């Protein structure tokens, strides 16, 4: 038993080395210090996660499912030149036998370390891009790449802290986090971040007050999530002038997504849209995460992600794991308005899909 435990720990170490390397790499690439991003880090991480997969034991069914996921991701990458779905497949397959809470903990510490470093460097004047002045006024990014990104990091950090420290967080802590969210909004002028963090803290408050134990409340939140995803998935497809007001409230997210739907369409394995996304003159930013998956990664990836989310949400409610339920709910809503959350390194809940592939890990949501 001792030897088995040692081997298990080595495998966990290999996974976390690859995971943390990529998380740091992504944090730097999305920051004001992106010029210091070293692409070879991703190559090393790629090799390490492949090693983790090779030294992990899978049964025949798991091998077949994993191969299908990997082959679909490779086909998608070939058609789209988007590695995001390949990283998704590799780390999902490689996460077998890795405790979800350990991944959350390591992700949280890494993000806090990176953000703290960027903020300190920005305050010391070591960043050329610490603020912007646009139609919303003076907005601060604190070296985190963009004010919206600074707000996004606050939302992610808040949700992960609450998930890990559920029993230790008191009502006054929730109030402090809410006030902090308002402060971040005043500095970044990012309305989306304020709404997202406030909504998550509201759900967390319901959790602390035991309100989430009420079946009608659970059902209402579950239906709300389904309707929200349906709206952000369907509205860009059927977009017309009737959506103009809602589109303006969402800063053009529906009409801009409609541009990509009309130009590239929807197919099984996605389309290469980077000539538009990377154009310095583009006015169509694809912030809608669901449309990004649908158009860029294809219908196969969209259905896979949606099915797994619905399945796990239902399991969480069945097993009364409301803490995990609201964490997933946060990222489901976050994907409606920010495409960065479609990156597995910025959305740790994607790794919960392993609970469906690898049956022995289903205790993650119990």
Protein backbone atom coordinates (compact mmCIF):
# COMPACT_ATOMS: atom_id res chain seq x y z
CA UNK A 1 0.00 0.00 0.00
CA UNK A 2 2.86 2.36 0.78
CA UNK A 3 4.43 1.83 -2.64
CA UNK A 4 1.08 2.43 -4.39
CA UNK A 5 0.64 5.71 -2.51
CA UNK A 6 4.12 6.85 -3.54
CA UNK A 7 3.40 6.14 -7.21
CA UNK A 8 0.10 7.98 -6.95
CA UNK A 9 1.82 11.03 -5.47
CA UNK A 10 4.40 11.03 -8.27
CA UNK A 11 1.60 10.98 -10.85
CA UNK A 12 -0.14 13.85 -9.08
CA UNK A 13 3.11 15.82 -9.05
CA UNK A 14 3.56 15.28 -12.79
CA UNK A 15 0.02 16.51 -13.47
CA UNK A 16 0.40 19.61 -11.30
CA UNK A 17 3.76 20.54 -12.81
CA UNK A 18 2.16 20.58 -16.26
CA UNK A 19 -1.01 22.32 -15.00
CA UNK A 20 0.75 25.08 -13.05
CA UNK A 21 3.24 25.73 -15.85
CA UNK A 22 0.41 26.28 -18.32
CA UNK A 23 -1.59 28.36 -15.86
CA UNK A 24 1.38 30.69 -15.29
CA UNK A 25 1.99 30.78 -19.05
CA UNK A 26 -1.64 31.78 -19.72
CA UNK A 27 -1.64 34.39 -16.94
CA UNK A 28 1.48 36.02 -18.41
CA UNK A 29 0.12 35.82 -21.98
CA UNK A 30 -3.10 37.57 -20.89
CA UNK A 31 -1.29 40.25 -18.89
CA UNK A 32 0.44 43.50 -19.76
CA UNK A 33 3.68 41.49 -19.71
CA UNK A 34 2.67 39.22 -22.62
CA UNK A 35 5.96 40.06 -24.40
CA UNK A 36 7.68 38.00 -21.68
CA UNK A 37 5.56 34.94 -22.44
CA UNK A 38 7.78 32.03 -23.49
CA UNK A 39 5.98 29.68 -25.91
CA UNK A 40 8.42 26.84 -25.15
CA UNK A 41 6.82 26.56 -21.71
CA UNK A 42 3.71 25.20 -23.42
CA UNK A 43 5.82 22.63 -25.29
CA UNK A 44 7.33 21.40 -22.01
CA UNK A 45 3.90 21.28 -20.37
CA UNK A 46 2.57 19.38 -23.39
CA UNK A 47 5.28 16.74 -23.02
CA UNK A 48 4.69 16.42 -19.26
CA UNK A 49 0.92 15.89 -19.53
CA UNK A 50 1.52 13.30 -22.28
CA UNK A 51 3.86 11.53 -19.82
CA UNK A 52 1.16 11.64 -17.13
CA UNK A 53 -1.31 10.03 -19.54
CA UNK A 54 1.13 7.27 -20.52
CA UNK A 55 1.91 6.27 -16.92
CA UNK A 56 -1.77 6.26 -15.86
CA UNK A 57 -3.76 3.03 -16.01
CA UNK A 58 -7.02 3.16 -17.98
CA UNK A 59 -9.50 0.37 -18.60
CA UNK A 60 -10.65 -0.50 -22.14
CA UNK A 61 -13.78 1.67 -21.98
CA UNK A 62 -11.80 4.66 -20.68
CA UNK A 63 -9.18 4.22 -23.40
CA UNK A 64 -11.84 4.19 -26.13
CA UNK A 65 -13.63 7.28 -24.77
CA UNK A 66 -10.32 9.11 -24.27
CA UNK A 67 -9.19 8.28 -27.80
CA UNK A 68 -12.46 9.56 -29.26
CA UNK A 69 -12.13 12.83 -27.30
CA UNK A 70 -8.50 13.23 -28.36
CA UNK A 71 -9.16 12.43 -32.04
CA UNK A 72 -12.06 14.89 -32.21
CA UNK A 73 -9.87 17.59 -30.60
CA UNK A 74 -7.03 16.94 -33.08
CA UNK A 75 -9.42 17.12 -36.06
CA UNK A 76 -10.83 20.36 -34.66
CA UNK A 77 -7.34 21.82 -34.16
CA UNK A 78 -6.38 20.82 -37.73
CA UNK A 79 -9.44 22.62 -39.15
CA UNK A 80 -9.33 25.66 -36.87
CA UNK A 81 -5.67 26.14 -35.77
CA UNK A 82 -7.06 26.48 -32.24
CA UNK A 83 -5.12 24.53 -29.60
CA UNK A 84 -7.65 25.37 -26.89
CA UNK A 85 -9.66 22.20 -27.48
CA UNK A 86 -6.52 20.00 -27.59
CA UNK A 87 -5.39 21.33 -24.20
CA UNK A 88 -8.91 20.63 -22.97
CA UNK A 89 -8.70 17.00 -24.14
CA UNK A 90 -5.17 16.36 -22.82
CA UNK A 91 -5.73 17.71 -19.32
CA UNK A 92 -9.18 16.15 -19.06
CA UNK A 93 -7.73 12.72 -19.91
CA UNK A 94 -4.65 13.33 -17.77
CA UNK A 95 -6.70 14.34 -14.72
CA UNK A 96 -7.69 10.77 -13.86
CA UNK A 97 -7.09 10.07 -10.16
CA UNK A 98 -6.39 13.75 -9.44
CA UNK A 99 -8.62 15.19 -6.72
CA UNK A 100 -10.70 18.12 -7.98
CA UNK A 101 -10.26 20.17 -4.81
CA UNK A 102 -6.48 19.83 -5.12
CA UNK A 103 -6.69 21.22 -8.65
CA UNK A 104 -8.83 24.11 -7.42
CA UNK A 105 -6.41 24.83 -4.58
CA UNK A 106 -3.33 24.82 -6.81
CA UNK A 107 -5.13 26.93 -9.41
CA UNK A 108 -6.19 29.48 -6.81
CA UNK A 109 -2.70 29.84 -5.32
CA UNK A 110 -1.12 30.14 -8.78
CA UNK A 111 -3.59 32.79 -9.98
CA UNK A 112 -3.22 34.81 -6.77
CA UNK A 113 0.59 34.64 -7.05
CA UNK A 114 0.55 35.75 -10.69
CA UNK A 115 -1.99 38.54 -10.14
CA UNK A 116 -0.19 39.82 -7.05
CA UNK A 117 3.10 39.91 -8.96
CA UNK A 118 1.56 41.82 -11.89
CA UNK A 119 -0.21 44.30 -9.59
CA UNK A 120 2.96 45.01 -7.58
CA UNK A 121 4.98 45.48 -10.78
CA UNK A 122 2.28 47.82 -12.09
CA UNK A 123 2.26 49.89 -8.88
CA UNK A 124 6.05 50.14 -9.12
CA UNK A 125 5.66 51.58 -12.60
CA UNK A 126 7.10 48.54 -14.36
CA UNK A 127 4.12 48.20 -16.70
CA UNK A 128 3.49 50.49 -19.67
CA UNK A 129 -0.16 49.48 -19.77
CA UNK A 130 -1.70 49.87 -16.32
CA UNK A 131 -4.75 51.90 -17.38
CA UNK A 132 -6.80 52.90 -20.42
CA UNK A 133 -9.10 55.82 -21.14
CA UNK A 134 -12.11 54.93 -23.28
CA UNK A 135 -15.84 55.71 -23.48
CA UNK A 136 -16.26 54.42 -19.91
CA UNK A 137 -13.60 56.82 -18.60
CA UNK A 138 -10.31 56.04 -16.90
CA UNK A 139 -10.07 52.31 -16.27
CA UNK A 140 -7.26 50.53 -14.42
CA UNK A 141 -5.91 47.09 -15.34
CA UNK A 142 -3.02 46.97 -12.81
CA UNK A 143 -0.81 45.11 -15.26
CA UNK A 144 -3.40 42.36 -15.78
CA UNK A 145 -3.70 43.05 -19.50
CA UNK A 146 -7.09 44.80 -19.61
CA UNK A 147 -9.54 46.20 -17.03
CA UNK A 148 -12.02 43.46 -17.97
CA UNK A 149 -9.33 40.85 -17.31
CA UNK A 150 -8.58 42.38 -13.90
CA UNK A 151 -12.27 42.13 -13.04
CA UNK A 152 -12.41 38.56 -14.38
CA UNK A 153 -9.55 37.49 -12.13
CA UNK A 154 -11.34 38.96 -9.12
CA UNK A 155 -14.47 36.96 -9.98
CA UNK A 156 -12.54 33.73 -10.43
CA UNK A 157 -10.50 34.19 -7.24
CA UNK A 158 -13.65 35.00 -5.25
CA UNK A 159 -15.51 31.92 -6.47
CA UNK A 160 -12.58 29.57 -5.84
CA UNK A 161 -11.94 30.95 -2.33
CA UNK A 162 -15.59 30.56 -1.37
CA UNK A 163 -15.69 27.02 -2.76
CA UNK A 164 -12.60 25.92 -0.81
CA UNK A 165 -13.37 27.81 2.42
CA UNK A 166 -17.14 27.34 2.53
CA UNK A 167 -17.30 26.36 6.20
CA UNK A 168 -14.92 29.09 7.36
CA UNK A 169 -16.54 32.00 5.51
CA UNK A 170 -19.03 34.00 7.54
CA UNK A 171 -21.76 36.43 6.48
CA UNK A 172 -19.50 39.41 7.17
CA UNK A 173 -16.87 37.89 4.86
CA UNK A 174 -19.46 37.80 2.08
CA UNK A 175 -20.25 41.48 2.70
CA UNK A 176 -16.52 42.34 2.53
CA UNK A 177 -16.17 40.42 -0.74
CA UNK A 178 -19.19 42.26 -2.16
CA UNK A 179 -17.74 45.65 -1.18
CA UNK A 180 -14.42 44.58 -2.70
CA UNK A 181 -16.29 43.71 -5.89
CA UNK A 182 -17.76 47.21 -6.00
CA UNK A 183 -14.26 48.66 -5.49
CA UNK A 184 -12.92 46.56 -8.38
CA UNK A 185 -15.83 47.81 -10.52
CA UNK A 186 -15.08 51.46 -9.69
CA UNK A 187 -11.46 50.95 -10.75
CA UNK A 188 -12.05 48.79 -13.83
CA UNK A 189 -15.53 50.07 -14.91
CA UNK A 190 -16.34 46.45 -15.78
CA UNK A 191 -20.08 45.95 -15.25
CA UNK A 192 -19.93 42.29 -16.24
CA UNK A 193 -17.48 41.49 -13.44
CA UNK A 194 -19.62 43.25 -10.85
CA UNK A 195 -22.76 41.38 -11.93
CA UNK A 196 -20.99 38.02 -12.00
CA UNK A 197 -19.28 38.39 -8.62
CA UNK A 198 -22.49 39.73 -7.03
CA UNK A 199 -24.55 36.88 -8.44
CA UNK A 200 -22.09 34.27 -7.19
CA UNK A 201 -21.97 35.86 -3.72
CA UNK A 202 -25.78 35.94 -3.69
CA UNK A 203 -25.86 32.20 -4.42
CA UNK A 204 -23.19 31.61 -1.78
CA UNK A 205 -25.26 33.58 0.72
CA UNK A 206 -28.25 31.35 -0.07
CA UNK A 207 -25.96 28.36 0.53
CA UNK A 208 -24.81 29.68 3.92
CA UNK A 209 -28.41 30.39 4.95
CA UNK A 210 -29.46 26.86 3.89
CA UNK A 211 -31.93 28.32 1.38
CA UNK A 212 -30.45 26.15 -1.39
CA UNK A 213 -31.87 23.10 0.38
CA UNK A 214 -35.31 24.17 -0.81
CA UNK A 215 -36.17 22.11 -3.89
CA UNK A 216 -38.08 24.91 -5.63
CA UNK A 217 -35.04 27.21 -5.35
CA UNK A 218 -32.76 24.52 -6.79
CA UNK A 219 -35.18 23.91 -9.65
CA UNK A 220 -35.47 27.65 -10.36
CA UNK A 221 -31.68 28.12 -10.54
CA UNK A 222 -31.27 25.04 -12.73
CA UNK A 223 -33.96 26.22 -15.18
CA UNK A 224 -32.50 29.74 -15.13
CA UNK A 225 -29.10 28.37 -16.16
CA UNK A 226 -30.62 26.34 -19.00
CA UNK A 227 -32.60 29.34 -20.28
CA UNK A 228 -29.57 31.60 -20.06
CA UNK A 229 -27.38 29.21 -22.06
CA UNK A 230 -30.21 28.73 -24.58
CA UNK A 231 -30.58 32.49 -25.01
CA UNK A 232 -26.86 33.14 -25.52
CA UNK A 233 -26.68 30.20 -27.92
CA UNK A 234 -29.81 30.90 -29.98
CA UNK A 235 -30.05 34.72 -29.94
CA UNK A 236 -26.89 35.22 -32.07
CA UNK A 237 -28.22 32.72 -34.62
CA UNK A 238 -31.64 34.41 -35.04
CA UNK A 239 -30.37 37.95 -34.38
CA UNK A 240 -32.39 40.86 -35.82
CA UNK A 241 -33.31 44.43 -34.83
CA UNK A 242 -35.64 43.14 -32.10
CA UNK A 243 -32.53 42.24 -30.12
CA UNK A 244 -30.97 45.71 -30.51
CA UNK A 245 -31.77 46.94 -26.99
CA UNK A 246 -30.61 43.76 -25.25
CA UNK A 247 -27.56 43.71 -27.51
CA UNK A 248 -26.63 47.25 -26.45
CA UNK A 249 -26.90 46.24 -22.78
CA UNK A 250 -24.51 43.37 -23.53
CA UNK A 251 -22.12 45.75 -25.35
CA UNK A 252 -22.71 44.13 -28.74
CA UNK A 253 -22.07 40.54 -27.69
CA UNK A 254 -25.10 39.20 -29.59
CA UNK A 255 -24.60 41.07 -32.88
CA UNK A 256 -20.86 40.40 -32.87
CA UNK A 257 -21.48 36.69 -32.32
CA UNK A 258 -24.05 36.82 -35.12
CA UNK A 259 -21.29 38.10 -37.44
CA UNK A 260 -19.25 34.93 -36.87
CA UNK A 261 -22.31 32.68 -37.18
CA UNK A 262 -23.22 34.22 -40.54
CA UNK A 263 -19.68 34.29 -41.91
CA UNK A 264 -18.41 30.88 -40.77
CA UNK A 265 -21.56 28.91 -40.02
CA UNK A 266 -21.78 25.88 -37.72
CA UNK A 267 -20.15 22.56 -38.51
CA UNK A 268 -19.10 19.45 -36.62
CA UNK A 269 -15.45 20.33 -35.97
CA UNK A 270 -15.37 24.14 -36.14
CA UNK A 271 -13.88 26.82 -38.37
CA UNK A 272 -10.72 28.94 -38.45
CA UNK A 273 -11.87 32.45 -37.51
CA UNK A 274 -8.52 33.90 -36.50
CA UNK A 275 -8.18 36.13 -39.55
CA UNK A 276 -11.07 38.09 -38.01
CA UNK A 277 -10.30 37.60 -34.32
CA UNK A 278 -6.64 38.65 -34.69
CA UNK A 279 -7.25 41.52 -37.08
CA UNK A 280 -6.23 44.86 -35.50
CA UNK A 281 -9.16 46.54 -37.24
CA UNK A 282 -11.88 44.06 -36.27
CA UNK A 283 -15.00 45.41 -34.58
CA UNK A 284 -16.39 41.97 -33.89
CA UNK A 285 -14.99 40.51 -30.68
CA UNK A 286 -16.27 37.01 -29.93
CA UNK A 287 -16.85 37.30 -26.17
CA UNK A 288 -19.79 34.88 -26.12
CA UNK A 289 -18.17 31.66 -24.89
CA UNK A 290 -20.89 29.33 -26.18
CA UNK A 291 -20.81 30.76 -29.69
CA UNK A 292 -17.01 30.61 -29.61
CA UNK A 293 -17.18 26.90 -28.85
CA UNK A 294 -19.95 26.37 -31.42
CA UNK A 295 -18.24 28.25 -34.27
CA UNK A 296 -14.54 27.73 -33.51
CA UNK A 297 -14.54 24.23 -31.97
CA UNK A 298 -17.67 22.88 -33.60
CA UNK A 299 -20.99 21.29 -32.73
CA UNK A 300 -19.26 18.17 -31.34
CA UNK A 301 -17.44 20.17 -28.64
CA UNK A 302 -20.52 22.28 -27.88
CA UNK A 303 -22.75 19.24 -27.30
CA UNK A 304 -20.07 17.46 -25.26
CA UNK A 305 -19.58 20.42 -22.90
CA UNK A 306 -23.29 21.17 -22.54
CA UNK A 307 -24.26 17.54 -21.89
CA UNK A 308 -21.55 17.10 -19.25
CA UNK A 309 -22.48 20.32 -17.45
CA UNK A 310 -26.16 19.36 -17.28
CA UNK A 311 -25.34 15.84 -16.08
CA UNK A 312 -22.99 17.05 -13.33
CA UNK A 313 -25.36 19.80 -12.16
CA UNK A 314 -28.10 17.20 -11.73
CA UNK A 315 -25.69 14.92 -9.84
CA UNK A 316 -24.68 17.77 -7.53
CA UNK A 317 -28.33 18.44 -6.66
CA UNK A 318 -29.07 14.75 -6.21
CA UNK A 319 -26.10 14.35 -3.84
CA UNK A 320 -26.77 17.72 -2.15
CA UNK A 321 -23.38 19.15 -3.06
CA UNK A 322 -24.68 22.71 -3.35
CA UNK A 323 -21.22 24.23 -2.92
CA UNK A 324 -20.00 22.62 -6.14
CA UNK A 325 -23.35 23.34 -7.80
CA UNK A 326 -22.99 27.12 -7.43
CA UNK A 327 -19.33 27.03 -8.51
CA UNK A 328 -20.36 25.32 -11.76
CA UNK A 329 -23.29 27.74 -12.09
CA UNK A 330 -20.86 30.67 -11.89
CA UNK A 331 -18.68 29.36 -14.71
CA UNK A 332 -21.72 28.48 -16.85
CA UNK A 333 -22.89 32.10 -16.58
CA UNK A 334 -19.35 33.41 -17.02
CA UNK A 335 -19.10 31.60 -20.35
CA UNK A 336 -22.12 33.55 -21.61
CA UNK A 337 -20.18 36.81 -21.62
CA UNK A 338 -16.46 35.98 -21.65
CA UNK A 339 -14.77 33.57 -24.06
CA UNK A 340 -11.66 33.31 -21.84
CA UNK A 341 -13.70 30.94 -19.66
CA UNK A 342 -13.72 28.40 -22.51
CA UNK A 343 -10.00 27.86 -21.78
CA UNK A 344 -9.63 24.93 -19.37
CA UNK A 345 -6.90 26.78 -17.43
CA UNK A 346 -9.35 29.62 -16.72
CA UNK A 347 -12.31 27.31 -16.06
CA UNK A 348 -11.35 24.54 -13.67
CA UNK A 349 -14.90 23.09 -13.68
CA UNK A 350 -14.20 21.57 -17.12
CA UNK A 351 -12.06 19.02 -15.28
CA UNK A 352 -15.18 17.74 -13.53
CA UNK A 353 -16.08 16.02 -16.78
CA UNK A 354 -13.60 13.34 -15.77
CA UNK A 355 -16.20 12.14 -13.26
CA UNK A 356 -18.28 10.88 -16.18
CA UNK A 357 -15.39 9.28 -18.06
CA UNK A 358 -13.62 7.75 -15.04
CA UNK A 359 -16.30 6.24 -12.85
CA UNK A 360 -14.10 5.76 -9.79
CA UNK A 361 -13.83 9.55 -9.44
CA UNK A 362 -17.56 10.22 -9.14
CA UNK A 363 -17.16 10.96 -5.44
CA UNK A 364 -15.98 14.43 -6.55
CA UNK A 365 -19.54 15.73 -6.58
CA UNK A 366 -20.87 13.79 -3.60
